[in-house]
C-alpha cells in the first residue's frame, strides 16, 4: 500500500517544485482562479503565511492571513490545487515559530514581522 502512495506522490513532485519556497512569516500573493457561472477569473489574495501543514506530501496546505477593512481574513489553500495559478513571494519574514497564530490577537505595530536580509 505504501508503495502505491509513493508512486502517486512522485507524480506530483514536479508540480510542487513549480512554486517558490516560502514559509511562515513570508508575505505572499496567491493568484487563485475563481469560477463565476461559466466565466473564470483570477483573484489575488495577498497576506502573511501563518503556517504550512503536511509539508512534502500531496495534502500540503498553507494558511494566509490579511487585514481587509479592519477585519482579519484567513484563507487555507491546498498547495496542489489546480485553482492556484501562481504564488509570488513579496517579502521574507524572520520568525522563530512554525505557526504564527499569535498574530490573530495583535493589531497595528505589534503585528509586524521583521524582514530577513
PDB file of N, CA and C in Angstrom:
ATOM      1  N   UNK A   1       0.823  -1.196   0.000  1.00  0.00           N
ATOM      2  CA  UNK A   1       0.000   0.000   0.000  1.00  0.00           C
ATOM      3  C   UNK A   1       0.864   1.256   0.000  1.00  0.00           C
ATOM      4  N   UNK A   2       1.927   1.267   0.791  1.00  0.00           N
ATOM      5  CA  UNK A   2       2.755   2.462   0.863  1.00  0.00           C
ATOM      6  C   UNK A   2       3.511   2.695  -0.445  1.00  0.00           C
ATOM      7  N   UNK A   3       3.812   1.623  -1.188  1.00  0.00           N
ATOM      8  CA  UNK A   3       4.482   1.780  -2.476  1.00  0.00           C
ATOM      9  C   UNK A   3       3.574   2.505  -3.468  1.00  0.00           C
ATOM     10  N   UNK A   4       2.295   2.182  -3.436  1.00  0.00           N
ATOM     11  CA  UNK A   4       1.334   2.840  -4.315  1.00  0.00           C
ATOM     12  C   UNK A   4       1.241   4.327  -3.990  1.00  0.00           C
ATOM     13  N   UNK A   5       1.218   4.652  -2.728  1.00  0.00           N
ATOM     14  CA  UNK A   5       1.160   6.062  -2.314  1.00  0.00           C
ATOM     15  C   UNK A   5       2.412   6.803  -2.753  1.00  0.00           C
ATOM     16  N   UNK A   6       3.569   6.174  -2.610  1.00  0.00           N
ATOM     17  CA  UNK A   6       4.819   6.813  -3.023  1.00  0.00           C
ATOM     18  C   UNK A   6       4.844   7.077  -4.525  1.00  0.00           C
ATOM     19  N   UNK A   7       4.298   6.159  -5.324  1.00  0.00           N
ATOM     20  CA  UNK A   7       4.258   6.351  -6.769  1.00  0.00           C
ATOM     21  C   UNK A   7       3.370   7.537  -7.141  1.00  0.00           C
ATOM     22  N   UNK A   8       2.236   7.638  -6.504  1.00  0.00           N
ATOM     23  CA  UNK A   8       1.307   8.733  -6.796  1.00  0.00           C
ATOM     24  C   UNK A   8       1.903  10.069  -6.355  1.00  0.00           C
ATOM     25  N   UNK A   9       2.543  10.103  -5.183  1.00  0.00           N
ATOM     26  CA  UNK A   9       3.162  11.341  -4.714  1.00  0.00           C
ATOM     27  C   UNK A   9       4.318  11.753  -5.614  1.00  0.00           C
ATOM     28  N   UNK A  10       5.015  10.792  -6.201  1.00  0.00           N
ATOM     29  CA  UNK A  10       6.128  11.107  -7.097  1.00  0.00           C
ATOM     30  C   UNK A  10       5.645  11.809  -8.365  1.00  0.00           C
ATOM     31  N   UNK A  11       4.422  11.498  -8.810  1.00  0.00           N
ATOM     32  CA  UNK A  11       3.870  12.147  -9.996  1.00  0.00           C
ATOM     33  C   UNK A  11       3.681  13.641  -9.773  1.00  0.00           C
ATOM     34  N   UNK A  12       3.338  14.032  -8.541  1.00  0.00           N
ATOM     35  CA  UNK A  12       3.058  15.430  -8.236  1.00  0.00           C
ATOM     36  C   UNK A  12       4.280  16.184  -7.726  1.00  0.00           C
ATOM     37  N   UNK A  13       5.425  15.535  -7.648  1.00  0.00           N
ATOM     38  CA  UNK A  13       6.630  16.182  -7.127  1.00  0.00           C
ATOM     39  C   UNK A  13       7.061  17.345  -8.008  1.00  0.00           C
ATOM     40  N   UNK A  14       6.933  17.201  -9.335  1.00  0.00           N
ATOM     41  CA  UNK A  14       7.337  18.284 -10.222  1.00  0.00           C
ATOM     42  C   UNK A  14       6.383  19.474 -10.131  1.00  0.00           C
ATOM     43  N   UNK A  15       5.097  19.224  -9.858  1.00  0.00           N
ATOM     44  CA  UNK A  15       4.132  20.314  -9.689  1.00  0.00           C
ATOM     45  C   UNK A  15       4.480  21.116  -8.442  1.00  0.00           C
ATOM     46  N   UNK A  16       4.894  20.431  -7.385  1.00  0.00           N
ATOM     47  CA  UNK A  16       5.243  21.089  -6.137  1.00  0.00           C
ATOM     48  C   UNK A  16       6.481  21.970  -6.315  1.00  0.00           C
ATOM     49  N   UNK A  17       7.385  21.574  -7.216  1.00  0.00           N
ATOM     50  CA  UNK A  17       8.603  22.334  -7.438  1.00  0.00           C
ATOM     51  C   UNK A  17       8.367  23.608  -8.248  1.00  0.00           C
ATOM     52  N   UNK A  18       7.183  23.770  -8.843  1.00  0.00           N
ATOM     53  CA  UNK A  18       6.883  24.979  -9.608  1.00  0.00           C
ATOM     54  C   UNK A  18       6.690  26.195  -8.702  1.00  0.00           C
ATOM     55  N   UNK A  19       6.393  25.981  -7.435  1.00  0.00           N
ATOM     56  CA  UNK A  19       6.157  27.080  -6.514  1.00  0.00           C
ATOM     57  C   UNK A  19       7.467  27.497  -5.845  1.00  0.00           C
ATOM     58  N   UNK A  20       7.612  28.777  -5.541  1.00  0.00           N
ATOM     59  CA  UNK A  20       8.824  29.204  -4.834  1.00  0.00           C
ATOM     60  C   UNK A  20       8.793  28.704  -3.394  1.00  0.00           C
ATOM     61  N   UNK A  21       9.948  28.635  -2.776  1.00  0.00           N
ATOM     62  CA  UNK A  21       9.982  28.204  -1.381  1.00  0.00           C
ATOM     63  C   UNK A  21       9.533  29.370  -0.498  1.00  0.00           C
ATOM     64  N   UNK A  22       8.610  29.097   0.379  1.00  0.00           N
ATOM     65  CA  UNK A  22       8.127  30.112   1.314  1.00  0.00           C
ATOM     66  C   UNK A  22       7.749  29.424   2.607  1.00  0.00           C
ATOM     67  N   UNK A  23       7.653  30.207   3.663  1.00  0.00           N
ATOM     68  CA  UNK A  23       7.334  29.645   4.965  1.00  0.00           C
ATOM     69  C   UNK A  23       6.565  30.631   5.809  1.00  0.00           C
ATOM     70  N   UNK A  24       6.373  30.315   7.073  1.00  0.00           N
ATOM     71  CA  UNK A  24       5.642  31.213   7.962  1.00  0.00           C
ATOM     72  C   UNK A  24       6.350  32.557   8.081  1.00  0.00           C
ATOM     73  N   UNK A  25       5.556  33.613   8.100  1.00  0.00           N
ATOM     74  CA  UNK A  25       6.103  34.953   8.213  1.00  0.00           C
ATOM     75  C   UNK A  25       6.331  35.634   6.883  1.00  0.00           C
ATOM     76  N   UNK A  26       6.333  34.882   5.798  1.00  0.00           N
ATOM     77  CA  UNK A  26       6.538  35.471   4.476  1.00  0.00           C
ATOM     78  C   UNK A  26       5.241  36.115   3.993  1.00  0.00           C
ATOM     79  N   UNK A  27       5.380  37.220   3.288  1.00  0.00           N
ATOM     80  CA  UNK A  27       4.230  37.864   2.663  1.00  0.00           C
ATOM     81  C   UNK A  27       4.140  37.355   1.237  1.00  0.00           C
ATOM     82  N   UNK A  28       3.008  36.759   0.902  1.00  0.00           N
ATOM     83  CA  UNK A  28       2.840  36.152  -0.414  1.00  0.00           C
ATOM     84  C   UNK A  28       1.618  36.735  -1.112  1.00  0.00           C
ATOM     85  N   UNK A  29       1.622  36.607  -2.424  1.00  0.00           N
ATOM     86  CA  UNK A  29       0.492  36.999  -3.253  1.00  0.00           C
ATOM     87  C   UNK A  29       0.054  35.752  -4.004  1.00  0.00           C
ATOM     88  N   UNK A  30      -1.121  35.221  -3.672  1.00  0.00           N
ATOM     89  CA  UNK A  30      -1.620  33.988  -4.277  1.00  0.00           C
ATOM     90  C   UNK A  30      -2.614  34.356  -5.369  1.00  0.00           C
ATOM     91  N   UNK A  31      -2.350  33.913  -6.592  1.00  0.00           N
ATOM     92  CA  UNK A  31      -3.257  34.125  -7.716  1.00  0.00           C
ATOM     93  C   UNK A  31      -4.155  32.893  -7.792  1.00  0.00           C
ATOM     94  N   UNK A  32      -5.449  33.083  -7.508  1.00  0.00           N
ATOM     95  CA  UNK A  32      -6.387  31.974  -7.368  1.00  0.00           C
ATOM     96  C   UNK A  32      -7.492  32.101  -8.413  1.00  0.00           C
ATOM     97  N   UNK A  33      -7.776  31.020  -9.121  1.00  0.00           N
ATOM     98  CA  UNK A  33      -8.819  31.014 -10.148  1.00  0.00           C
ATOM     99  C   UNK A  33     -10.183  30.862  -9.477  1.00  0.00           C
ATOM    100  N   UNK A  34     -11.113  31.714  -9.890  1.00  0.00           N
ATOM    101  CA  UNK A  34     -12.469  31.667  -9.348  1.00  0.00           C
ATOM    102  C   UNK A  34     -13.442  31.518 -10.507  1.00  0.00           C
ATOM    103  N   UNK A  35     -14.372  30.558 -10.378  1.00  0.00           N
ATOM    104  CA  UNK A  35     -15.394  30.363 -11.395  1.00  0.00           C
ATOM    105  C   UNK A  35     -16.672  31.066 -10.955  1.00  0.00           C
ATOM    106  N   UNK A  36     -17.202  31.888 -11.859  1.00  0.00           N
ATOM    107  CA  UNK A  36     -18.485  32.556 -11.624  1.00  0.00           C
ATOM    108  C   UNK A  36     -19.376  32.258 -12.817  1.00  0.00           C
ATOM    109  N   UNK A  37     -20.280  31.322 -12.647  1.00  0.00           N
ATOM    110  CA  UNK A  37     -21.105  30.886 -13.767  1.00  0.00           C
ATOM    111  C   UNK A  37     -20.248  30.111 -14.759  1.00  0.00           C
ATOM    112  N   UNK A  38     -20.214  30.578 -15.997  1.00  0.00           N
ATOM    113  CA  UNK A  38     -19.361  29.925 -16.988  1.00  0.00           C
ATOM    114  C   UNK A  38     -18.082  30.723 -17.241  1.00  0.00           C
ATOM    115  N   UNK A  39     -17.859  31.798 -16.474  1.00  0.00           N
ATOM    116  CA  UNK A  39     -16.648  32.602 -16.608  1.00  0.00           C
ATOM    117  C   UNK A  39     -15.632  32.193 -15.553  1.00  0.00           C
ATOM    118  N   UNK A  40     -14.396  32.482 -15.861  1.00  0.00           N
ATOM    119  CA  UNK A  40     -13.319  32.200 -14.917  1.00  0.00           C
ATOM    120  C   UNK A  40     -12.414  33.418 -14.848  1.00  0.00           C
ATOM    121  N   UNK A  41     -12.064  33.828 -13.622  1.00  0.00           N
ATOM    122  CA  UNK A  41     -11.163  34.959 -13.458  1.00  0.00           C
ATOM    123  C   UNK A  41     -10.146  34.633 -12.382  1.00  0.00           C
ATOM    124  N   UNK A  42      -9.095  35.436 -12.320  1.00  0.00           N
ATOM    125  CA  UNK A  42      -8.046  35.224 -11.327  1.00  0.00           C
ATOM    126  C   UNK A  42      -8.140  36.324 -10.282  1.00  0.00           C
ATOM    127  N   UNK A  43      -8.218  35.907  -9.031  1.00  0.00           N
ATOM    128  CA  UNK A  43      -8.274  36.842  -7.915  1.00  0.00           C
ATOM    129  C   UNK A  43      -6.991  36.709  -7.107  1.00  0.00           C
ATOM    130  N   UNK A  44      -6.463  37.840  -6.656  1.00  0.00           N
ATOM    131  CA  UNK A  44      -5.237  37.822  -5.871  1.00  0.00           C
ATOM    132  C   UNK A  44      -5.572  37.927  -4.395  1.00  0.00           C
ATOM    133  N   UNK A  45      -4.873  37.133  -3.592  1.00  0.00           N
ATOM    134  CA  UNK A  45      -5.035  37.161  -2.139  1.00  0.00           C
ATOM    135  C   UNK A  45      -3.646  37.384  -1.566  1.00  0.00           C
ATOM    136  N   UNK A  46      -3.414  38.577  -1.037  1.00  0.00           N
ATOM    137  CA  UNK A  46      -2.095  38.930  -0.525  1.00  0.00           C
ATOM    138  C   UNK A  46      -2.147  39.010   0.984  1.00  0.00           C
ATOM    139  N   UNK A  47      -1.204  38.320   1.635  1.00  0.00           N
ATOM    140  CA  UNK A  47      -1.158  38.341   3.081  1.00  0.00           C
ATOM    141  C   UNK A  47       0.054  37.613   3.619  1.00  0.00           C
ATOM    142  N   UNK A  48       0.046  37.391   4.927  1.00  0.00           N
ATOM    143  CA  UNK A  48       1.150  36.742   5.622  1.00  0.00           C
ATOM    144  C   UNK A  48       0.851  35.265   5.806  1.00  0.00           C
ATOM    145  N   UNK A  49       1.830  34.433   5.544  1.00  0.00           N
ATOM    146  CA  UNK A  49       1.666  32.993   5.732  1.00  0.00           C
ATOM    147  C   UNK A  49       1.746  32.699   7.232  1.00  0.00           C
ATOM    148  N   UNK A  50       0.692  32.080   7.772  1.00  0.00           N
ATOM    149  CA  UNK A  50       0.674  31.718   9.189  1.00  0.00           C
ATOM    150  C   UNK A  50       1.280  30.351   9.429  1.00  0.00           C
ATOM    151  N   UNK A  51       1.036  29.420   8.514  1.00  0.00           N
ATOM    152  CA  UNK A  51       1.525  28.054   8.714  1.00  0.00           C
ATOM    153  C   UNK A  51       1.535  27.295   7.400  1.00  0.00           C
ATOM    154  N   UNK A  52       2.307  26.230   7.385  1.00  0.00           N
ATOM    155  CA  UNK A  52       2.261  25.227   6.312  1.00  0.00           C
ATOM    156  C   UNK A  52       2.048  23.885   6.985  1.00  0.00           C
ATOM    157  N   UNK A  53       1.078  23.126   6.497  1.00  0.00           N
ATOM    158  CA  UNK A  53       0.767  21.829   7.095  1.00  0.00           C
ATOM    159  C   UNK A  53       1.058  20.723   6.101  1.00  0.00           C
ATOM    160  N   UNK A  54       1.433  19.556   6.610  1.00  0.00           N
ATOM    161  CA  UNK A  54       1.717  18.368   5.810  1.00  0.00           C
ATOM    162  C   UNK A  54       2.740  18.653   4.716  1.00  0.00           C
ATOM    163  N   UNK A  55       3.833  19.285   5.116  1.00  0.00           N
ATOM    164  CA  UNK A  55       4.867  19.664   4.152  1.00  0.00           C
ATOM    165  C   UNK A  55       5.434  18.423   3.485  1.00  0.00           C
ATOM    166  N   UNK A  56       5.692  18.529   2.207  1.00  0.00           N
ATOM    167  CA  UNK A  56       6.239  17.474   1.343  1.00  0.00           C
ATOM    168  C   UNK A  56       5.312  16.265   1.214  1.00  0.00           C
ATOM    169  N   UNK A  57       4.014  16.499   1.277  1.00  0.00           N
ATOM    170  CA  UNK A  57       3.048  15.450   0.960  1.00  0.00           C
ATOM    171  C   UNK A  57       2.011  16.047   0.006  1.00  0.00           C
ATOM    172  N   UNK A  58       1.191  15.221  -0.565  1.00  0.00           N
ATOM    173  CA  UNK A  58       0.201  15.711  -1.522  1.00  0.00           C
ATOM    174  C   UNK A  58      -0.920  16.488  -0.855  1.00  0.00           C
ATOM    175  N   UNK A  59      -1.091  16.338   0.443  1.00  0.00           N
ATOM    176  CA  UNK A  59      -2.139  17.054   1.156  1.00  0.00           C
ATOM    177  C   UNK A  59      -1.653  18.350   1.763  1.00  0.00           C
ATOM    178  N   UNK A  60      -0.556  18.895   1.258  1.00  0.00           N
ATOM    179  CA  UNK A  60       0.021  20.090   1.864  1.00  0.00           C
ATOM    180  C   UNK A  60      -0.885  21.300   1.671  1.00  0.00           C
ATOM    181  N   UNK A  61      -1.067  22.059   2.751  1.00  0.00           N
ATOM    182  CA  UNK A  61      -1.846  23.292   2.711  1.00  0.00           C
ATOM    183  C   UNK A  61      -1.060  24.405   3.380  1.00  0.00           C
ATOM    184  N   UNK A  62      -1.424  25.629   3.056  1.00  0.00           N
ATOM    185  CA  UNK A  62      -0.839  26.778   3.740  1.00  0.00           C
ATOM    186  C   UNK A  62      -1.931  27.797   4.016  1.00  0.00           C
ATOM    187  N   UNK A  63      -1.808  28.481   5.146  1.00  0.00           N
ATOM    188  CA  UNK A  63      -2.801  29.446   5.590  1.00  0.00           C
ATOM    189  C   UNK A  63      -2.243  30.846   5.420  1.00  0.00           C
ATOM    190  N   UNK A  64      -3.027  31.723   4.787  1.00  0.00           N
ATOM    191  CA  UNK A  64      -2.620  33.100   4.560  1.00  0.00           C
ATOM    192  C   UNK A  64      -3.615  34.011   5.266  1.00  0.00           C
ATOM    193  N   UNK A  65      -3.090  35.034   5.961  1.00  0.00           N
ATOM    194  CA  UNK A  65      -3.929  35.976   6.704  1.00  0.00           C
ATOM    195  C   UNK A  65      -3.680  37.384   6.201  1.00  0.00           C
ATOM    196  N   UNK A  66      -4.766  38.126   5.995  1.00  0.00           N
ATOM    197  CA  UNK A  66      -4.660  39.533   5.629  1.00  0.00           C
ATOM    198  C   UNK A  66      -5.699  40.321   6.411  1.00  0.00           C
ATOM    199  N   UNK A  67      -5.497  41.630   6.455  1.00  0.00           N
ATOM    200  CA  UNK A  67      -6.453  42.517   7.106  1.00  0.00           C
ATOM    201  C   UNK A  67      -7.204  43.244   6.008  1.00  0.00           C
ATOM    202  N   UNK A  68      -8.509  43.070   5.964  1.00  0.00           N
ATOM    203  CA  UNK A  68      -9.348  43.700   4.959  1.00  0.00           C
ATOM    204  C   UNK A  68     -10.404  44.549   5.650  1.00  0.00           C
ATOM    205  N   UNK A  69     -10.336  45.857   5.466  1.00  0.00           N
ATOM    206  CA  UNK A  69     -11.266  46.820   6.089  1.00  0.00           C
ATOM    207  C   UNK A  69     -11.280  46.672   7.609  1.00  0.00           C
ATOM    208  N   UNK A  70     -10.117  46.429   8.190  1.00  0.00           N
ATOM    209  CA  UNK A  70     -10.004  46.322   9.639  1.00  0.00           C
ATOM    210  C   UNK A  70     -10.403  44.971  10.200  1.00  0.00           C
ATOM    211  N   UNK A  71     -10.733  44.029   9.345  1.00  0.00           N
ATOM    212  CA  UNK A  71     -11.152  42.700   9.782  1.00  0.00           C
ATOM    213  C   UNK A  71     -10.127  41.691   9.279  1.00  0.00           C
ATOM    214  N   UNK A  72      -9.689  40.799  10.152  1.00  0.00           N
ATOM    215  CA  UNK A  72      -8.744  39.764   9.759  1.00  0.00           C
ATOM    216  C   UNK A  72      -9.428  38.675   8.950  1.00  0.00           C
ATOM    217  N   UNK A  73      -8.833  38.340   7.801  1.00  0.00           N
ATOM    218  CA  UNK A  73      -9.383  37.306   6.925  1.00  0.00           C
ATOM    219  C   UNK A  73      -8.300  36.264   6.717  1.00  0.00           C
ATOM    220  N   UNK A  74      -8.625  35.003   6.980  1.00  0.00           N
ATOM    221  CA  UNK A  74      -7.686  33.905   6.758  1.00  0.00           C
ATOM    222  C   UNK A  74      -8.255  32.974   5.702  1.00  0.00           C
ATOM    223  N   UNK A  75      -7.354  32.459   4.887  1.00  0.00           N
ATOM    224  CA  UNK A  75      -7.784  31.530   3.854  1.00  0.00           C
ATOM    225  C   UNK A  75      -6.784  30.394   3.781  1.00  0.00           C
ATOM    226  N   UNK A  76      -7.282  29.177   3.657  1.00  0.00           N
ATOM    227  CA  UNK A  76      -6.434  27.989   3.574  1.00  0.00           C
ATOM    228  C   UNK A  76      -6.404  27.542   2.122  1.00  0.00           C
ATOM    229  N   UNK A  77      -5.191  27.398   1.583  1.00  0.00           N
ATOM    230  CA  UNK A  77      -5.009  26.986   0.194  1.00  0.00           C
ATOM    231  C   UNK A  77      -4.348  25.621   0.145  1.00  0.00           C
ATOM    232  N   UNK A  78      -4.910  24.659  -0.584  1.00  0.00           N
ATOM    233  CA  UNK A  78      -4.179  23.411  -0.855  1.00  0.00           C
ATOM    234  C   UNK A  78      -3.089  23.716  -1.889  1.00  0.00           C
ATOM    235  N   UNK A  79      -1.873  23.299  -1.627  1.00  0.00           N
ATOM    236  CA  UNK A  79      -0.759  23.652  -2.496  1.00  0.00           C
ATOM    237  C   UNK A  79      -0.899  23.058  -3.897  1.00  0.00           C
ATOM    238  N   UNK A  80      -1.412  21.853  -3.999  1.00  0.00           N
ATOM    239  CA  UNK A  80      -1.518  21.192  -5.301  1.00  0.00           C
ATOM    240  C   UNK A  80      -2.873  21.406  -5.978  1.00  0.00           C
ATOM    241  N   UNK A  81      -3.603  22.421  -5.550  1.00  0.00           N
ATOM    242  CA  UNK A  81      -4.899  22.706  -6.146  1.00  0.00           C
ATOM    243  C   UNK A  81      -4.722  23.205  -7.579  1.00  0.00           C
ATOM    244  N   UNK A  82      -5.534  22.723  -8.523  1.00  0.00           N
ATOM    245  CA  UNK A  82      -5.446  23.240  -9.894  1.00  0.00           C
ATOM    246  C   UNK A  82      -5.941  24.678  -9.999  1.00  0.00           C
ATOM    247  N   UNK A  83      -6.600  25.185  -8.961  1.00  0.00           N
ATOM    248  CA  UNK A  83      -7.107  26.557  -8.979  1.00  0.00           C
ATOM    249  C   UNK A  83      -6.040  27.592  -8.632  1.00  0.00           C
ATOM    250  N   UNK A  84      -4.913  27.181  -8.096  1.00  0.00           N
ATOM    251  CA  UNK A  84      -3.842  28.124  -7.809  1.00  0.00           C
ATOM    252  C   UNK A  84      -3.051  28.338  -9.082  1.00  0.00           C
ATOM    253  N   UNK A  85      -3.052  29.575  -9.566  1.00  0.00           N
ATOM    254  CA  UNK A  85      -2.331  29.902 -10.791  1.00  0.00           C
ATOM    255  C   UNK A  85      -0.849  30.084 -10.499  1.00  0.00           C
ATOM    256  N   UNK A  86      -0.529  30.924  -9.508  1.00  0.00           N
ATOM    257  CA  UNK A  86       0.862  31.094  -9.099  1.00  0.00           C
ATOM    258  C   UNK A  86       0.921  31.707  -7.715  1.00  0.00           C
ATOM    259  N   UNK A  87       2.082  31.566  -7.095  1.00  0.00           N
ATOM    260  CA  UNK A  87       2.341  32.126  -5.773  1.00  0.00           C
ATOM    261  C   UNK A  87       3.597  32.984  -5.885  1.00  0.00           C
ATOM    262  N   UNK A  88       3.475  34.261  -5.515  1.00  0.00           N
ATOM    263  CA  UNK A  88       4.621  35.168  -5.532  1.00  0.00           C
ATOM    264  C   UNK A  88       5.023  35.477  -4.102  1.00  0.00           C
ATOM    265  N   UNK A  89       6.308  35.420  -3.821  1.00  0.00           N
ATOM    266  CA  UNK A  89       6.809  35.805  -2.506  1.00  0.00           C
ATOM    267  C   UNK A  89       7.235  37.262  -2.592  1.00  0.00           C
ATOM    268  N   UNK A  90       6.584  38.123  -1.794  1.00  0.00           N
ATOM    269  CA  UNK A  90       6.870  39.549  -1.834  1.00  0.00           C
ATOM    270  C   UNK A  90       7.926  39.944  -0.802  1.00  0.00           C
ATOM    271  N   UNK A  91       7.842  39.381   0.400  1.00  0.00           N
ATOM    272  CA  UNK A  91       8.799  39.674   1.473  1.00  0.00           C
ATOM    273  C   UNK A  91       9.078  38.409   2.240  1.00  0.00           C
ATOM    274  N   UNK A  92      10.294  38.264   2.718  1.00  0.00           N
ATOM    275  CA  UNK A  92      10.666  37.145   3.571  1.00  0.00           C
ATOM    276  C   UNK A  92      10.630  37.623   5.017  1.00  0.00           C
ATOM    277  N   UNK A  93       9.898  36.918   5.865  1.00  0.00           N
ATOM    278  CA  UNK A  93       9.785  37.301   7.266  1.00  0.00           C
ATOM    279  C   UNK A  93      10.723  36.502   8.143  1.00  0.00           C
ATOM    280  N   UNK A  94      11.253  37.157   9.159  1.00  0.00           N
ATOM    281  CA  UNK A  94      12.147  36.497  10.109  1.00  0.00           C
ATOM    282  C   UNK A  94      11.323  36.156  11.352  1.00  0.00           C
ATOM    283  N   UNK A  95      10.993  34.885  11.513  1.00  0.00           N
ATOM    284  CA  UNK A  95      10.192  34.432  12.647  1.00  0.00           C
ATOM    285  C   UNK A  95      10.868  33.236  13.299  1.00  0.00           C
ATOM    286  N   UNK A  96      10.474  32.958  14.533  1.00  0.00           N
ATOM    287  CA  UNK A  96      11.081  31.857  15.281  1.00  0.00           C
ATOM    288  C   UNK A  96      10.074  30.755  15.573  1.00  0.00           C
ATOM    289  N   UNK A  97       8.935  30.813  14.939  1.00  0.00           N
ATOM    290  CA  UNK A  97       7.879  29.837  15.163  1.00  0.00           C
ATOM    291  C   UNK A  97       7.444  29.240  13.829  1.00  0.00           C
ATOM    292  N   UNK A  98       6.884  28.046  13.875  1.00  0.00           N
ATOM    293  CA  UNK A  98       6.348  27.413  12.674  1.00  0.00           C
ATOM    294  C   UNK A  98       4.879  27.765  12.474  1.00  0.00           C
ATOM    295  N   UNK A  99       4.206  28.172  13.536  1.00  0.00           N
ATOM    296  CA  UNK A  99       2.799  28.550  13.470  1.00  0.00           C
ATOM    297  C   UNK A  99       2.650  29.921  14.119  1.00  0.00           C
ATOM    298  N   UNK A 100       2.110  30.868  13.386  1.00  0.00           N
ATOM    299  CA  UNK A 100       2.056  32.249  13.861  1.00  0.00           C
ATOM    300  C   UNK A 100       0.653  32.647  14.290  1.00  0.00           C
ATOM    301  N   UNK A 101       0.012  31.809  15.071  1.00  0.00           N
ATOM    302  CA  UNK A 101      -1.354  32.094  15.492  1.00  0.00           C
ATOM    303  C   UNK A 101      -1.433  33.270  16.464  1.00  0.00           C
ATOM    304  N   UNK A 102      -0.308  33.653  17.063  1.00  0.00           N
ATOM    305  CA  UNK A 102      -0.317  34.780  17.984  1.00  0.00           C
ATOM    306  C   UNK A 102      -0.621  36.096  17.248  1.00  0.00           C
ATOM    307  N   UNK A 103      -0.487  36.113  15.923  1.00  0.00           N
ATOM    308  CA  UNK A 103      -0.797  37.326  15.163  1.00  0.00           C
ATOM    309  C   UNK A 103      -2.294  37.638  15.163  1.00  0.00           C
ATOM    310  N   UNK A 104      -3.109  36.636  15.440  1.00  0.00           N
ATOM    311  CA  UNK A 104      -4.564  36.842  15.436  1.00  0.00           C
ATOM    312  C   UNK A 104      -4.999  37.836  16.500  1.00  0.00           C
ATOM    313  N   UNK A 105      -4.305  37.862  17.607  1.00  0.00           N
ATOM    314  CA  UNK A 105      -4.699  38.749  18.705  1.00  0.00           C
ATOM    315  C   UNK A 105      -3.997  40.088  18.700  1.00  0.00           C
ATOM    316  N   UNK A 106      -3.238  40.388  17.648  1.00  0.00           N
ATOM    317  CA  UNK A 106      -2.464  41.623  17.609  1.00  0.00           C
ATOM    318  C   UNK A 106      -2.957  42.549  16.506  1.00  0.00           C
ATOM    319  N   UNK A 107      -2.751  43.850  16.749  1.00  0.00           N
ATOM    320  CA  UNK A 107      -3.135  44.869  15.776  1.00  0.00           C
ATOM    321  C   UNK A 107      -1.998  45.857  15.616  1.00  0.00           C
ATOM    322  N   UNK A 108      -1.979  46.515  14.497  1.00  0.00           N
ATOM    323  CA  UNK A 108      -1.050  47.615  14.284  1.00  0.00           C
ATOM    324  C   UNK A 108       0.407  47.211  14.314  1.00  0.00           C
ATOM    325  N   UNK A 109       1.215  48.008  15.047  1.00  0.00           N
ATOM    326  CA  UNK A 109       2.656  47.793  15.047  1.00  0.00           C
ATOM    327  C   UNK A 109       3.062  46.484  15.711  1.00  0.00           C
ATOM    328  N   UNK A 110       2.291  45.999  16.665  1.00  0.00           N
ATOM    329  CA  UNK A 110       2.668  44.751  17.334  1.00  0.00           C
ATOM    330  C   UNK A 110       2.469  43.532  16.439  1.00  0.00           C
ATOM    331  N   UNK A 111       1.755  43.703  15.321  1.00  0.00           N
ATOM    332  CA  UNK A 111       1.531  42.596  14.393  1.00  0.00           C
ATOM    333  C   UNK A 111       2.562  42.577  13.276  1.00  0.00           C
ATOM    334  N   UNK A 112       3.561  43.458  13.353  1.00  0.00           N
ATOM    335  CA  UNK A 112       4.586  43.486  12.304  1.00  0.00           C
ATOM    336  C   UNK A 112       5.552  42.326  12.455  1.00  0.00           C
ATOM    337  N   UNK A 113       6.152  41.933  11.328  1.00  0.00           N
ATOM    338  CA  UNK A 113       7.143  40.873  11.303  1.00  0.00           C
ATOM    339  C   UNK A 113       8.416  41.449  10.708  1.00  0.00           C
ATOM    340  N   UNK A 114       9.546  41.159  11.360  1.00  0.00           N
ATOM    341  CA  UNK A 114      10.822  41.654  10.845  1.00  0.00           C
ATOM    342  C   UNK A 114      11.113  40.986   9.510  1.00  0.00           C
ATOM    343  N   UNK A 115      11.858  41.711   8.685  1.00  0.00           N
ATOM    344  CA  UNK A 115      12.189  41.209   7.362  1.00  0.00           C
ATOM    345  C   UNK A 115      13.588  40.593   7.371  1.00  0.00           C
ATOM    346  N   UNK A 116      13.721  39.454   6.667  1.00  0.00           N
ATOM    347  CA  UNK A 116      15.023  38.824   6.521  1.00  0.00           C
ATOM    348  C   UNK A 116      15.895  39.646   5.595  1.00  0.00           C
ATOM    349  N   UNK A 117      17.167  39.640   5.866  1.00  0.00           N
ATOM    350  CA  UNK A 117      18.083  40.367   4.979  1.00  0.00           C
ATOM    351  C   UNK A 117      18.807  39.433   4.055  1.00  0.00           C
TER     352      UNK A 117
END
